[in-house]
């Protein structure tokens, strides 16, 4: 999922990327070149991943470049909250990923949750 907001004539542009998957390096490179801020939602288990599109950089290294460009790192667990979720499920979705990112030095002010329409009932 990709969200975008842009004011015309280069005044302001920002993209928020869900999952920070294999497309993050490509989106970062393009946005960096254009001066557009990137705000990826990071699944923390992907931080050490190097995709073949990443020029040898880990997702963590790309996140550091994004922050240097003025971007914000958002927390994302990739785990669904369901109708029968436990307290531990909520901790796994909301607290743990945010704490992991903050322990790496990121200021996390946003959380992206997994789901969509009827997400409470997605297995």
PDB file of N, CA and C in Angstrom:
ATOM      1  N   UNK A   1       0.843  -1.154   0.000  1.00  0.00           N
ATOM      2  CA  UNK A   1       0.000   0.000   0.000  1.00  0.00           C
ATOM      3  C   UNK A   1       0.893   1.223   0.000  1.00  0.00           C
ATOM      4  N   UNK A   2       0.525   2.214  -0.777  1.00  0.00           N
ATOM      5  CA  UNK A   2       1.328   3.421  -0.908  1.00  0.00           C
ATOM      6  C   UNK A   2       0.400   4.614  -0.771  1.00  0.00           C
ATOM      7  N   UNK A   3       0.718   5.508   0.124  1.00  0.00           N
ATOM      8  CA  UNK A   3      -0.070   6.714   0.316  1.00  0.00           C
ATOM      9  C   UNK A   3       0.782   7.889  -0.110  1.00  0.00           C
ATOM     10  N   UNK A   4       0.198   8.893  -0.690  1.00  0.00           N
ATOM     11  CA  UNK A   4       0.981  10.044  -1.093  1.00  0.00           C
ATOM     12  C   UNK A   4       0.259  11.345  -0.849  1.00  0.00           C
ATOM     13  N   UNK A   5       1.026  12.383  -0.628  1.00  0.00           N
ATOM     14  CA  UNK A   5       0.484  13.719  -0.463  1.00  0.00           C
ATOM     15  C   UNK A   5       1.500  14.647  -1.098  1.00  0.00           C
ATOM     16  N   UNK A   6       1.034  15.553  -1.895  1.00  0.00           N
ATOM     17  CA  UNK A   6       1.988  16.426  -2.565  1.00  0.00           C
ATOM     18  C   UNK A   6       1.329  17.772  -2.857  1.00  0.00           C
ATOM     19  N   UNK A   7       2.021  18.858  -2.573  1.00  0.00           N
ATOM     20  CA  UNK A   7       1.613  20.181  -3.018  1.00  0.00           C
ATOM     21  C   UNK A   7       2.414  20.476  -4.269  1.00  0.00           C
ATOM     22  N   UNK A   8       1.819  21.138  -5.185  1.00  0.00           N
ATOM     23  CA  UNK A   8       2.444  21.357  -6.498  1.00  0.00           C
ATOM     24  C   UNK A   8       3.674  22.248  -6.425  1.00  0.00           C
ATOM     25  N   UNK A   9       4.445  22.219  -7.486  1.00  0.00           N
ATOM     26  CA  UNK A   9       5.610  23.062  -7.698  1.00  0.00           C
ATOM     27  C   UNK A   9       6.722  22.835  -6.681  1.00  0.00           C
ATOM     28  N   UNK A  10       6.846  21.604  -6.201  1.00  0.00           N
ATOM     29  CA  UNK A  10       7.969  21.255  -5.348  1.00  0.00           C
ATOM     30  C   UNK A  10       7.924  21.819  -3.940  1.00  0.00           C
ATOM     31  N   UNK A  11       6.784  22.345  -3.517  1.00  0.00           N
ATOM     32  CA  UNK A  11       6.702  22.904  -2.180  1.00  0.00           C
ATOM     33  C   UNK A  11       6.780  21.833  -1.107  1.00  0.00           C
ATOM     34  N   UNK A  12       6.079  20.720  -1.334  1.00  0.00           N
ATOM     35  CA  UNK A  12       6.122  19.646  -0.352  1.00  0.00           C
ATOM     36  C   UNK A  12       5.646  18.362  -1.001  1.00  0.00           C
ATOM     37  N   UNK A  13       6.335  17.290  -0.713  1.00  0.00           N
ATOM     38  CA  UNK A  13       5.898  15.981  -1.172  1.00  0.00           C
ATOM     39  C   UNK A  13       6.260  14.954  -0.128  1.00  0.00           C
ATOM     40  N   UNK A  14       5.421  13.953   0.063  1.00  0.00           N
ATOM     41  CA  UNK A  14       5.674  12.925   1.085  1.00  0.00           C
ATOM     42  C   UNK A  14       4.970  11.651   0.660  1.00  0.00           C
ATOM     43  N   UNK A  15       5.628  10.513   0.850  1.00  0.00           N
ATOM     44  CA  UNK A  15       5.032   9.214   0.583  1.00  0.00           C
ATOM     45  C   UNK A  15       5.151   8.344   1.827  1.00  0.00           C
ATOM     46  N   UNK A  16       4.056   7.663   2.138  1.00  0.00           N
ATOM     47  CA  UNK A  16       4.054   6.696   3.231  1.00  0.00           C
ATOM     48  C   UNK A  16       3.916   5.314   2.616  1.00  0.00           C
ATOM     49  N   UNK A  17       4.825   4.404   2.966  1.00  0.00           N
ATOM     50  CA  UNK A  17       4.864   3.072   2.366  1.00  0.00           C
ATOM     51  C   UNK A  17       4.586   2.024   3.428  1.00  0.00           C
ATOM     52  N   UNK A  18       3.612   1.182   3.155  1.00  0.00           N
ATOM     53  CA  UNK A  18       3.243   0.096   4.055  1.00  0.00           C
ATOM     54  C   UNK A  18       4.151  -1.109   3.787  1.00  0.00           C
ATOM     55  N   UNK A  19       4.627  -1.736   4.820  1.00  0.00           N
ATOM     56  CA  UNK A  19       5.412  -2.983   4.811  1.00  0.00           C
ATOM     57  C   UNK A  19       6.901  -2.815   4.532  1.00  0.00           C
ATOM     58  N   UNK A  20       7.309  -1.751   3.870  1.00  0.00           N
ATOM     59  CA  UNK A  20       8.727  -1.555   3.558  1.00  0.00           C
ATOM     60  C   UNK A  20       9.325  -2.819   2.968  1.00  0.00           C
ATOM     61  N   UNK A  21       8.700  -3.330   1.947  1.00  0.00           N
ATOM     62  CA  UNK A  21       9.126  -4.569   1.323  1.00  0.00           C
ATOM     63  C   UNK A  21      10.189  -4.320   0.255  1.00  0.00           C
ATOM     64  N   UNK A  22      10.288  -5.196  -0.717  1.00  0.00           N
ATOM     65  CA  UNK A  22      11.357  -5.107  -1.713  1.00  0.00           C
ATOM     66  C   UNK A  22      11.308  -3.838  -2.553  1.00  0.00           C
ATOM     67  N   UNK A  23      10.199  -3.110  -2.515  1.00  0.00           N
ATOM     68  CA  UNK A  23      10.101  -1.881  -3.290  1.00  0.00           C
ATOM     69  C   UNK A  23      10.657  -0.664  -2.556  1.00  0.00           C
ATOM     70  N   UNK A  24      10.896  -0.783  -1.259  1.00  0.00           N
ATOM     71  CA  UNK A  24      11.396   0.360  -0.493  1.00  0.00           C
ATOM     72  C   UNK A  24      12.689   0.935  -1.072  1.00  0.00           C
ATOM     73  N   UNK A  25      13.683   0.117  -1.416  1.00  0.00           N
ATOM     74  CA  UNK A  25      14.909   0.708  -1.961  1.00  0.00           C
ATOM     75  C   UNK A  25      14.666   1.503  -3.240  1.00  0.00           C
ATOM     76  N   UNK A  26      13.808   0.999  -4.111  1.00  0.00           N
ATOM     77  CA  UNK A  26      13.523   1.701  -5.363  1.00  0.00           C
ATOM     78  C   UNK A  26      12.767   3.001  -5.113  1.00  0.00           C
ATOM     79  N   UNK A  27      11.769   2.937  -4.234  1.00  0.00           N
ATOM     80  CA  UNK A  27      11.002   4.138  -3.902  1.00  0.00           C
ATOM     81  C   UNK A  27      11.904   5.159  -3.220  1.00  0.00           C
ATOM     82  N   UNK A  28      12.748   4.696  -2.298  1.00  0.00           N
ATOM     83  CA  UNK A  28      13.668   5.623  -1.632  1.00  0.00           C
ATOM     84  C   UNK A  28      14.573   6.310  -2.660  1.00  0.00           C
ATOM     85  N   UNK A  29      15.182   5.541  -3.546  1.00  0.00           N
ATOM     86  CA  UNK A  29      16.097   6.133  -4.532  1.00  0.00           C
ATOM     87  C   UNK A  29      15.399   7.199  -5.371  1.00  0.00           C
ATOM     88  N   UNK A  30      14.196   6.912  -5.843  1.00  0.00           N
ATOM     89  CA  UNK A  30      13.441   7.863  -6.660  1.00  0.00           C
ATOM     90  C   UNK A  30      13.076   9.104  -5.843  1.00  0.00           C
ATOM     91  N   UNK A  31      12.530   8.888  -4.648  1.00  0.00           N
ATOM     92  CA  UNK A  31      12.120  10.026  -3.821  1.00  0.00           C
ATOM     93  C   UNK A  31      13.312  10.868  -3.388  1.00  0.00           C
ATOM     94  N   UNK A  32      14.428  10.225  -3.080  1.00  0.00           N
ATOM     95  CA  UNK A  32      15.644  10.957  -2.707  1.00  0.00           C
ATOM     96  C   UNK A  32      16.075  11.862  -3.858  1.00  0.00           C
ATOM     97  N   UNK A  33      16.056  11.319  -5.069  1.00  0.00           N
ATOM     98  CA  UNK A  33      16.443  12.087  -6.252  1.00  0.00           C
ATOM     99  C   UNK A  33      15.516  13.275  -6.476  1.00  0.00           C
ATOM    100  N   UNK A  34      14.221  13.084  -6.192  1.00  0.00           N
ATOM    101  CA  UNK A  34      13.228  14.139  -6.421  1.00  0.00           C
ATOM    102  C   UNK A  34      13.043  15.062  -5.215  1.00  0.00           C
ATOM    103  N   UNK A  35      13.665  14.722  -4.089  1.00  0.00           N
ATOM    104  CA  UNK A  35      13.513  15.535  -2.893  1.00  0.00           C
ATOM    105  C   UNK A  35      12.191  15.325  -2.175  1.00  0.00           C
ATOM    106  N   UNK A  36      11.609  14.150  -2.350  1.00  0.00           N
ATOM    107  CA  UNK A  36      10.341  13.815  -1.705  1.00  0.00           C
ATOM    108  C   UNK A  36      10.627  12.976  -0.465  1.00  0.00           C
ATOM    109  N   UNK A  37      10.015  13.329   0.645  1.00  0.00           N
ATOM    110  CA  UNK A  37      10.209  12.626   1.914  1.00  0.00           C
ATOM    111  C   UNK A  37       9.488  11.274   1.864  1.00  0.00           C
ATOM    112  N   UNK A  38      10.135  10.234   2.395  1.00  0.00           N
ATOM    113  CA  UNK A  38       9.558   8.894   2.463  1.00  0.00           C
ATOM    114  C   UNK A  38       9.324   8.536   3.929  1.00  0.00           C
ATOM    115  N   UNK A  39       8.157   7.944   4.209  1.00  0.00           N
ATOM    116  CA  UNK A  39       7.822   7.510   5.571  1.00  0.00           C
ATOM    117  C   UNK A  39       7.386   6.056   5.513  1.00  0.00           C
ATOM    118  N   UNK A  40       8.315   5.110   5.658  1.00  0.00           N
ATOM    119  CA  UNK A  40       7.945   3.700   5.556  1.00  0.00           C
ATOM    120  C   UNK A  40       7.449   3.114   6.873  1.00  0.00           C
ATOM    121  N   UNK A  41       6.479   2.209   6.757  1.00  0.00           N
ATOM    122  CA  UNK A  41       6.022   1.424   7.903  1.00  0.00           C
ATOM    123  C   UNK A  41       6.878   0.166   7.933  1.00  0.00           C
ATOM    124  N   UNK A  42       7.668   0.009   8.974  1.00  0.00           N
ATOM    125  CA  UNK A  42       8.693  -1.025   9.029  1.00  0.00           C
ATOM    126  C   UNK A  42       8.251  -2.216   9.877  1.00  0.00           C
ATOM    127  N   UNK A  43       8.234  -3.385   9.259  1.00  0.00           N
ATOM    128  CA  UNK A  43       8.075  -4.636  10.003  1.00  0.00           C
ATOM    129  C   UNK A  43       9.476  -4.973  10.507  1.00  0.00           C
ATOM    130  N   UNK A  44       9.642  -4.955  11.820  1.00  0.00           N
ATOM    131  CA  UNK A  44      10.990  -5.004  12.393  1.00  0.00           C
ATOM    132  C   UNK A  44      11.758  -6.274  12.048  1.00  0.00           C
ATOM    133  N   UNK A  45      11.058  -7.358  11.752  1.00  0.00           N
ATOM    134  CA  UNK A  45      11.775  -8.582  11.365  1.00  0.00           C
ATOM    135  C   UNK A  45      12.450  -8.433  10.002  1.00  0.00           C
ATOM    136  N   UNK A  46      12.127  -7.371   9.267  1.00  0.00           N
ATOM    137  CA  UNK A  46      12.739  -7.127   7.958  1.00  0.00           C
ATOM    138  C   UNK A  46      13.945  -6.193   8.013  1.00  0.00           C
ATOM    139  N   UNK A  47      14.303  -5.693   9.170  1.00  0.00           N
ATOM    140  CA  UNK A  47      15.350  -4.674   9.258  1.00  0.00           C
ATOM    141  C   UNK A  47      16.689  -5.123   8.692  1.00  0.00           C
ATOM    142  N   UNK A  48      17.033  -6.385   8.841  1.00  0.00           N
ATOM    143  CA  UNK A  48      18.328  -6.869   8.337  1.00  0.00           C
ATOM    144  C   UNK A  48      18.241  -7.476   6.948  1.00  0.00           C
ATOM    145  N   UNK A  49      17.077  -7.365   6.332  1.00  0.00           N
ATOM    146  CA  UNK A  49      16.877  -7.919   4.989  1.00  0.00           C
ATOM    147  C   UNK A  49      17.562  -7.047   3.950  1.00  0.00           C
ATOM    148  N   UNK A  50      18.195  -7.705   2.986  1.00  0.00           N
ATOM    149  CA  UNK A  50      18.764  -7.022   1.828  1.00  0.00           C
ATOM    150  C   UNK A  50      18.029  -7.566   0.600  1.00  0.00           C
ATOM    151  N   UNK A  51      17.264  -6.705  -0.063  1.00  0.00           N
ATOM    152  CA  UNK A  51      16.565  -7.109  -1.282  1.00  0.00           C
ATOM    153  C   UNK A  51      17.478  -6.891  -2.478  1.00  0.00           C
ATOM    154  N   UNK A  52      17.229  -7.603  -3.551  1.00  0.00           N
ATOM    155  CA  UNK A  52      18.090  -7.473  -4.726  1.00  0.00           C
ATOM    156  C   UNK A  52      17.984  -6.094  -5.372  1.00  0.00           C
ATOM    157  N   UNK A  53      17.024  -5.293  -4.944  1.00  0.00           N
ATOM    158  CA  UNK A  53      16.880  -3.933  -5.454  1.00  0.00           C
ATOM    159  C   UNK A  53      17.571  -2.900  -4.574  1.00  0.00           C
ATOM    160  N   UNK A  54      18.293  -3.347  -3.540  1.00  0.00           N
ATOM    161  CA  UNK A  54      18.775  -2.435  -2.506  1.00  0.00           C
ATOM    162  C   UNK A  54      20.241  -2.048  -2.617  1.00  0.00           C
ATOM    163  N   UNK A  55      20.922  -2.380  -3.689  1.00  0.00           N
ATOM    164  CA  UNK A  55      22.347  -2.039  -3.826  1.00  0.00           C
ATOM    165  C   UNK A  55      23.166  -2.497  -2.630  1.00  0.00           C
ATOM    166  N   UNK A  56      22.795  -3.648  -2.058  1.00  0.00           N
ATOM    167  CA  UNK A  56      23.536  -4.209  -0.944  1.00  0.00           C
ATOM    168  C   UNK A  56      23.203  -3.637   0.417  1.00  0.00           C
ATOM    169  N   UNK A  57      22.255  -2.720   0.497  1.00  0.00           N
ATOM    170  CA  UNK A  57      21.892  -2.100   1.776  1.00  0.00           C
ATOM    171  C   UNK A  57      20.780  -2.888   2.465  1.00  0.00           C
ATOM    172  N   UNK A  58      20.840  -2.933   3.793  1.00  0.00           N
ATOM    173  CA  UNK A  58      19.754  -3.527   4.561  1.00  0.00           C
ATOM    174  C   UNK A  58      18.609  -2.515   4.658  1.00  0.00           C
ATOM    175  N   UNK A  59      17.433  -3.000   5.038  1.00  0.00           N
ATOM    176  CA  UNK A  59      16.304  -2.102   5.268  1.00  0.00           C
ATOM    177  C   UNK A  59      16.670  -1.086   6.361  1.00  0.00           C
ATOM    178  N   UNK A  60      17.389  -1.520   7.374  1.00  0.00           N
ATOM    179  CA  UNK A  60      17.838  -0.604   8.438  1.00  0.00           C
ATOM    180  C   UNK A  60      18.702   0.521   7.871  1.00  0.00           C
ATOM    181  N   UNK A  61      19.630   0.180   6.991  1.00  0.00           N
ATOM    182  CA  UNK A  61      20.487   1.205   6.388  1.00  0.00           C
ATOM    183  C   UNK A  61      19.682   2.179   5.538  1.00  0.00           C
ATOM    184  N   UNK A  62      18.682   1.661   4.840  1.00  0.00           N
ATOM    185  CA  UNK A  62      17.818   2.533   4.043  1.00  0.00           C
ATOM    186  C   UNK A  62      16.985   3.425   4.959  1.00  0.00           C
ATOM    187  N   UNK A  63      16.510   2.874   6.081  1.00  0.00           N
ATOM    188  CA  UNK A  63      15.772   3.688   7.059  1.00  0.00           C
ATOM    189  C   UNK A  63      16.639   4.834   7.574  1.00  0.00           C
ATOM    190  N   UNK A  64      17.905   4.561   7.823  1.00  0.00           N
ATOM    191  CA  UNK A  64      18.808   5.624   8.278  1.00  0.00           C
ATOM    192  C   UNK A  64      18.930   6.730   7.230  1.00  0.00           C
ATOM    193  N   UNK A  65      18.994   6.351   5.960  1.00  0.00           N
ATOM    194  CA  UNK A  65      19.050   7.342   4.877  1.00  0.00           C
ATOM    195  C   UNK A  65      17.750   8.138   4.799  1.00  0.00           C
ATOM    196  N   UNK A  66      16.633   7.446   4.999  1.00  0.00           N
ATOM    197  CA  UNK A  66      15.319   8.098   4.963  1.00  0.00           C
ATOM    198  C   UNK A  66      15.226   9.152   6.064  1.00  0.00           C
ATOM    199  N   UNK A  67      15.658   8.806   7.273  1.00  0.00           N
ATOM    200  CA  UNK A  67      15.621   9.753   8.394  1.00  0.00           C
ATOM    201  C   UNK A  67      16.547  10.935   8.094  1.00  0.00           C
ATOM    202  N   UNK A  68      17.702  10.674   7.517  1.00  0.00           N
ATOM    203  CA  UNK A  68      18.630  11.750   7.164  1.00  0.00           C
ATOM    204  C   UNK A  68      18.011  12.707   6.147  1.00  0.00           C
ATOM    205  N   UNK A  69      17.105  12.188   5.329  1.00  0.00           N
ATOM    206  CA  UNK A  69      16.401  13.020   4.337  1.00  0.00           C
ATOM    207  C   UNK A  69      15.164  13.699   4.916  1.00  0.00           C
ATOM    208  N   UNK A  70      14.896  13.498   6.210  1.00  0.00           N
ATOM    209  CA  UNK A  70      13.735  14.128   6.835  1.00  0.00           C
ATOM    210  C   UNK A  70      12.512  13.242   6.947  1.00  0.00           C
ATOM    211  N   UNK A  71      12.647  11.966   6.598  1.00  0.00           N
ATOM    212  CA  UNK A  71      11.526  11.035   6.681  1.00  0.00           C
ATOM    213  C   UNK A  71      11.301  10.528   8.088  1.00  0.00           C
ATOM    214  N   UNK A  72      10.185   9.881   8.263  1.00  0.00           N
ATOM    215  CA  UNK A  72       9.810   9.322   9.559  1.00  0.00           C
ATOM    216  C   UNK A  72       9.622   7.818   9.412  1.00  0.00           C
ATOM    217  N   UNK A  73      10.060   7.072  10.396  1.00  0.00           N
ATOM    218  CA  UNK A  73       9.894   5.620  10.406  1.00  0.00           C
ATOM    219  C   UNK A  73       8.642   5.299  11.229  1.00  0.00           C
ATOM    220  N   UNK A  74       7.730   4.554  10.622  1.00  0.00           N
ATOM    221  CA  UNK A  74       6.496   4.148  11.282  1.00  0.00           C
ATOM    222  C   UNK A  74       6.611   2.700  11.727  1.00  0.00           C
ATOM    223  N   UNK A  75       5.918   2.368  12.788  1.00  0.00           N
ATOM    224  CA  UNK A  75       5.931   1.013  13.332  1.00  0.00           C
ATOM    225  C   UNK A  75       4.864   0.163  12.649  1.00  0.00           C
ATOM    226  N   UNK A  76       5.217  -1.100  12.390  1.00  0.00           N
ATOM    227  CA  UNK A  76       4.271  -2.025  11.748  1.00  0.00           C
ATOM    228  C   UNK A  76       4.667  -3.445  12.143  1.00  0.00           C
ATOM    229  N   UNK A  77       3.721  -4.199  12.673  1.00  0.00           N
ATOM    230  CA  UNK A  77       4.064  -5.553  13.101  1.00  0.00           C
ATOM    231  C   UNK A  77       3.843  -6.583  12.010  1.00  0.00           C
ATOM    232  N   UNK A  78       2.880  -6.338  11.133  1.00  0.00           N
ATOM    233  CA  UNK A  78       2.514  -7.335  10.129  1.00  0.00           C
ATOM    234  C   UNK A  78       1.572  -8.389  10.683  1.00  0.00           C
ATOM    235  N   UNK A  79       1.255  -8.298  11.961  1.00  0.00           N
ATOM    236  CA  UNK A  79       0.378  -9.270  12.618  1.00  0.00           C
ATOM    237  C   UNK A  79      -1.024  -8.675  12.730  1.00  0.00           C
ATOM    238  N   UNK A  80      -2.034  -9.508  12.499  1.00  0.00           N
ATOM    239  CA  UNK A  80      -3.418  -9.064  12.584  1.00  0.00           C
ATOM    240  C   UNK A  80      -3.913  -9.068  14.024  1.00  0.00           C
ATOM    241  N   UNK A  81      -4.679  -8.056  14.368  1.00  0.00           N
ATOM    242  CA  UNK A  81      -5.483  -8.074  15.585  1.00  0.00           C
ATOM    243  C   UNK A  81      -6.842  -8.630  15.174  1.00  0.00           C
ATOM    244  N   UNK A  82      -7.308  -9.614  15.915  1.00  0.00           N
ATOM    245  CA  UNK A  82      -8.582 -10.264  15.593  1.00  0.00           C
ATOM    246  C   UNK A  82      -9.539 -10.109  16.773  1.00  0.00           C
ATOM    247  N   UNK A  83     -10.761 -10.511  16.557  1.00  0.00           N
ATOM    248  CA  UNK A  83     -11.771 -10.399  17.607  1.00  0.00           C
ATOM    249  C   UNK A  83     -11.361 -11.150  18.874  1.00  0.00           C
ATOM    250  N   UNK A  84     -10.613 -12.236  18.729  1.00  0.00           N
ATOM    251  CA  UNK A  84     -10.213 -13.030  19.892  1.00  0.00           C
ATOM    252  C   UNK A  84      -8.750 -12.798  20.303  1.00  0.00           C
ATOM    253  N   UNK A  85      -8.184 -11.683  19.883  1.00  0.00           N
ATOM    254  CA  UNK A  85      -6.790 -11.393  20.231  1.00  0.00           C
ATOM    255  C   UNK A  85      -6.618 -11.228  21.736  1.00  0.00           C
ATOM    256  N   UNK A  86      -5.456 -11.634  22.200  1.00  0.00           N
ATOM    257  CA  UNK A  86      -5.123 -11.559  23.620  1.00  0.00           C
ATOM    258  C   UNK A  86      -4.344 -10.272  23.912  1.00  0.00           C
ATOM    259  N   UNK A  87      -4.117 -10.033  25.189  1.00  0.00           N
ATOM    260  CA  UNK A  87      -3.298  -8.893  25.594  1.00  0.00           C
ATOM    261  C   UNK A  87      -1.917  -8.991  24.955  1.00  0.00           C
ATOM    262  N   UNK A  88      -1.347 -10.206  24.905  1.00  0.00           N
ATOM    263  CA  UNK A  88      -0.029 -10.391  24.304  1.00  0.00           C
ATOM    264  C   UNK A  88      -0.046 -10.051  22.811  1.00  0.00           C
ATOM    265  N   UNK A  89      -1.136 -10.372  22.119  1.00  0.00           N
ATOM    266  CA  UNK A  89      -1.264 -10.006  20.705  1.00  0.00           C
ATOM    267  C   UNK A  89      -1.178  -8.491  20.539  1.00  0.00           C
ATOM    268  N   UNK A  90      -1.868  -7.761  21.412  1.00  0.00           N
ATOM    269  CA  UNK A  90      -1.831  -6.300  21.341  1.00  0.00           C
ATOM    270  C   UNK A  90      -0.430  -5.771  21.631  1.00  0.00           C
ATOM    271  N   UNK A  91       0.252  -6.381  22.577  1.00  0.00           N
ATOM    272  CA  UNK A  91       1.638  -5.992  22.868  1.00  0.00           C
ATOM    273  C   UNK A  91       2.513  -6.257  21.646  1.00  0.00           C
ATOM    274  N   UNK A  92       2.319  -7.412  20.997  1.00  0.00           N
ATOM    275  CA  UNK A  92       3.103  -7.777  19.812  1.00  0.00           C
ATOM    276  C   UNK A  92       2.853  -6.823  18.646  1.00  0.00           C
ATOM    277  N   UNK A  93       1.656  -6.303  18.549  1.00  0.00           N
ATOM    278  CA  UNK A  93       1.297  -5.425  17.432  1.00  0.00           C
ATOM    279  C   UNK A  93       1.684  -3.972  17.706  1.00  0.00           C
ATOM    280  N   UNK A  94       1.419  -3.484  18.902  1.00  0.00           N
ATOM    281  CA  UNK A  94       1.588  -2.064  19.161  1.00  0.00           C
ATOM    282  C   UNK A  94       2.863  -1.704  19.934  1.00  0.00           C
ATOM    283  N   UNK A  95       3.166  -2.423  20.973  1.00  0.00           N
ATOM    284  CA  UNK A  95       4.290  -2.032  21.825  1.00  0.00           C
ATOM    285  C   UNK A  95       5.636  -2.526  21.312  1.00  0.00           C
ATOM    286  N   UNK A  96       5.769  -3.815  21.047  1.00  0.00           N
ATOM    287  CA  UNK A  96       7.074  -4.401  20.736  1.00  0.00           C
ATOM    288  C   UNK A  96       7.729  -3.800  19.489  1.00  0.00           C
ATOM    289  N   UNK A  97       7.031  -3.691  18.350  1.00  0.00           N
ATOM    290  CA  UNK A  97       7.696  -3.101  17.178  1.00  0.00           C
ATOM    291  C   UNK A  97       8.140  -1.657  17.411  1.00  0.00           C
ATOM    292  N   UNK A  98       7.304  -0.882  18.095  1.00  0.00           N
ATOM    293  CA  UNK A  98       7.652   0.512  18.390  1.00  0.00           C
ATOM    294  C   UNK A  98       8.890   0.567  19.285  1.00  0.00           C
ATOM    295  N   UNK A  99       8.919  -0.251  20.317  1.00  0.00           N
ATOM    296  CA  UNK A  99      10.084  -0.263  21.216  1.00  0.00           C
ATOM    297  C   UNK A  99      11.348  -0.697  20.483  1.00  0.00           C
ATOM    298  N   UNK A 100      11.220  -1.680  19.593  1.00  0.00           N
ATOM    299  CA  UNK A 100      12.378  -2.133  18.817  1.00  0.00           C
ATOM    300  C   UNK A 100      12.935  -1.000  17.971  1.00  0.00           C
ATOM    301  N   UNK A 101      12.067  -0.291  17.274  1.00  0.00           N
ATOM    302  CA  UNK A 101      12.515   0.822  16.434  1.00  0.00           C
ATOM    303  C   UNK A 101      13.101   1.956  17.272  1.00  0.00           C
ATOM    304  N   UNK A 102      12.475   2.244  18.401  1.00  0.00           N
ATOM    305  CA  UNK A 102      13.007   3.300  19.273  1.00  0.00           C
ATOM    306  C   UNK A 102      14.363   2.910  19.849  1.00  0.00           C
ATOM    307  N   UNK A 103      14.562   1.625  20.136  1.00  0.00           N
ATOM    308  CA  UNK A 103      15.863   1.183  20.656  1.00  0.00           C
ATOM    309  C   UNK A 103      16.975   1.354  19.625  1.00  0.00           C
ATOM    310  N   UNK A 104      16.588   1.462  18.358  1.00  0.00           N
ATOM    311  CA  UNK A 104      17.560   1.684  17.281  1.00  0.00           C
ATOM    312  C   UNK A 104      17.762   3.169  16.996  1.00  0.00           C
ATOM    313  N   UNK A 105      17.088   4.008  17.789  1.00  0.00           N
ATOM    314  CA  UNK A 105      17.292   5.443  17.658  1.00  0.00           C
ATOM    315  C   UNK A 105      16.236   6.188  16.866  1.00  0.00           C
ATOM    316  N   UNK A 106      15.207   5.519  16.402  1.00  0.00           N
ATOM    317  CA  UNK A 106      14.160   6.178  15.633  1.00  0.00           C
ATOM    318  C   UNK A 106      13.112   6.787  16.572  1.00  0.00           C
ATOM    319  N   UNK A 107      12.580   7.923  16.196  1.00  0.00           N
ATOM    320  CA  UNK A 107      11.442   8.513  16.881  1.00  0.00           C
ATOM    321  C   UNK A 107      10.204   8.026  16.157  1.00  0.00           C
ATOM    322  N   UNK A 108       9.408   7.220  16.813  1.00  0.00           N
ATOM    323  CA  UNK A 108       8.242   6.592  16.180  1.00  0.00           C
ATOM    324  C   UNK A 108       6.989   7.288  16.678  1.00  0.00           C
ATOM    325  N   UNK A 109       6.288   7.951  15.746  1.00  0.00           N
ATOM    326  CA  UNK A 109       5.061   8.657  16.106  1.00  0.00           C
ATOM    327  C   UNK A 109       3.839   8.071  15.415  1.00  0.00           C
ATOM    328  N   UNK A 110       4.041   7.018  14.628  1.00  0.00           N
ATOM    329  CA  UNK A 110       2.924   6.416  13.917  1.00  0.00           C
ATOM    330  C   UNK A 110       3.020   4.907  13.888  1.00  0.00           C
ATOM    331  N   UNK A 111       1.869   4.271  13.901  1.00  0.00           N
ATOM    332  CA  UNK A 111       1.786   2.815  13.853  1.00  0.00           C
ATOM    333  C   UNK A 111       0.816   2.437  12.746  1.00  0.00           C
ATOM    334  N   UNK A 112       1.238   1.548  11.868  1.00  0.00           N
ATOM    335  CA  UNK A 112       0.374   1.016  10.816  1.00  0.00           C
ATOM    336  C   UNK A 112      -0.031  -0.387  11.260  1.00  0.00           C
ATOM    337  N   UNK A 113      -1.324  -0.660  11.248  1.00  0.00           N
ATOM    338  CA  UNK A 113      -1.784  -1.991  11.634  1.00  0.00           C
ATOM    339  C   UNK A 113      -2.069  -2.833  10.404  1.00  0.00           C
ATOM    340  N   UNK A 114      -1.930  -4.121  10.541  1.00  0.00           N
ATOM    341  CA  UNK A 114      -2.248  -5.050   9.456  1.00  0.00           C
ATOM    342  C   UNK A 114      -3.766  -5.186   9.368  1.00  0.00           C
ATOM    343  N   UNK A 115      -4.244  -5.425   8.184  1.00  0.00           N
ATOM    344  CA  UNK A 115      -5.681  -5.651   8.063  1.00  0.00           C
ATOM    345  C   UNK A 115      -6.250  -5.028   6.814  1.00  0.00           C
ATOM    346  N   UNK A 116      -7.419  -4.516   6.939  1.00  0.00           N
ATOM    347  CA  UNK A 116      -8.187  -3.959   5.840  1.00  0.00           C
ATOM    348  C   UNK A 116      -9.647  -4.152   6.190  1.00  0.00           C
ATOM    349  N   UNK A 117     -10.473  -4.248   5.188  1.00  0.00           N
ATOM    350  CA  UNK A 117     -11.890  -4.467   5.421  1.00  0.00           C
ATOM    351  C   UNK A 117     -12.097  -5.741   6.226  1.00  0.00           C
ATOM    352  N   UNK A 118     -12.848  -5.639   7.278  1.00  0.00           N
ATOM    353  CA  UNK A 118     -13.150  -6.777   8.161  1.00  0.00           C
ATOM    354  C   UNK A 118     -11.894  -7.396   8.768  1.00  0.00           C
ATOM    355  N   UNK A 119     -10.879  -6.586   9.038  1.00  0.00           N
ATOM    356  CA  UNK A 119      -9.611  -7.107   9.539  1.00  0.00           C
ATOM    357  C   UNK A 119      -9.751  -7.919  10.828  1.00  0.00           C
ATOM    358  N   UNK A 120     -10.746  -7.624  11.635  1.00  0.00           N
ATOM    359  CA  UNK A 120     -10.905  -8.385  12.874  1.00  0.00           C
ATOM    360  C   UNK A 120     -11.197  -9.849  12.613  1.00  0.00           C
ATOM    361  N   UNK A 121     -11.636 -10.144  11.425  1.00  0.00           N
ATOM    362  CA  UNK A 121     -12.030 -11.511  11.123  1.00  0.00           C
ATOM    363  C   UNK A 121     -11.102 -12.175  10.109  1.00  0.00           C
ATOM    364  N   UNK A 122      -9.992 -11.503   9.748  1.00  0.00           N
ATOM    365  CA  UNK A 122      -8.987 -12.089   8.858  1.00  0.00           C
ATOM    366  C   UNK A 122      -8.143 -13.057   9.667  1.00  0.00           C
ATOM    367  N   UNK A 123      -8.147 -14.331   9.308  1.00  0.00           N
ATOM    368  CA  UNK A 123      -7.447 -15.391  10.012  1.00  0.00           C
ATOM    369  C   UNK A 123      -6.125 -15.064  10.496  1.00  0.00           C
TER     370      UNK A 123
END
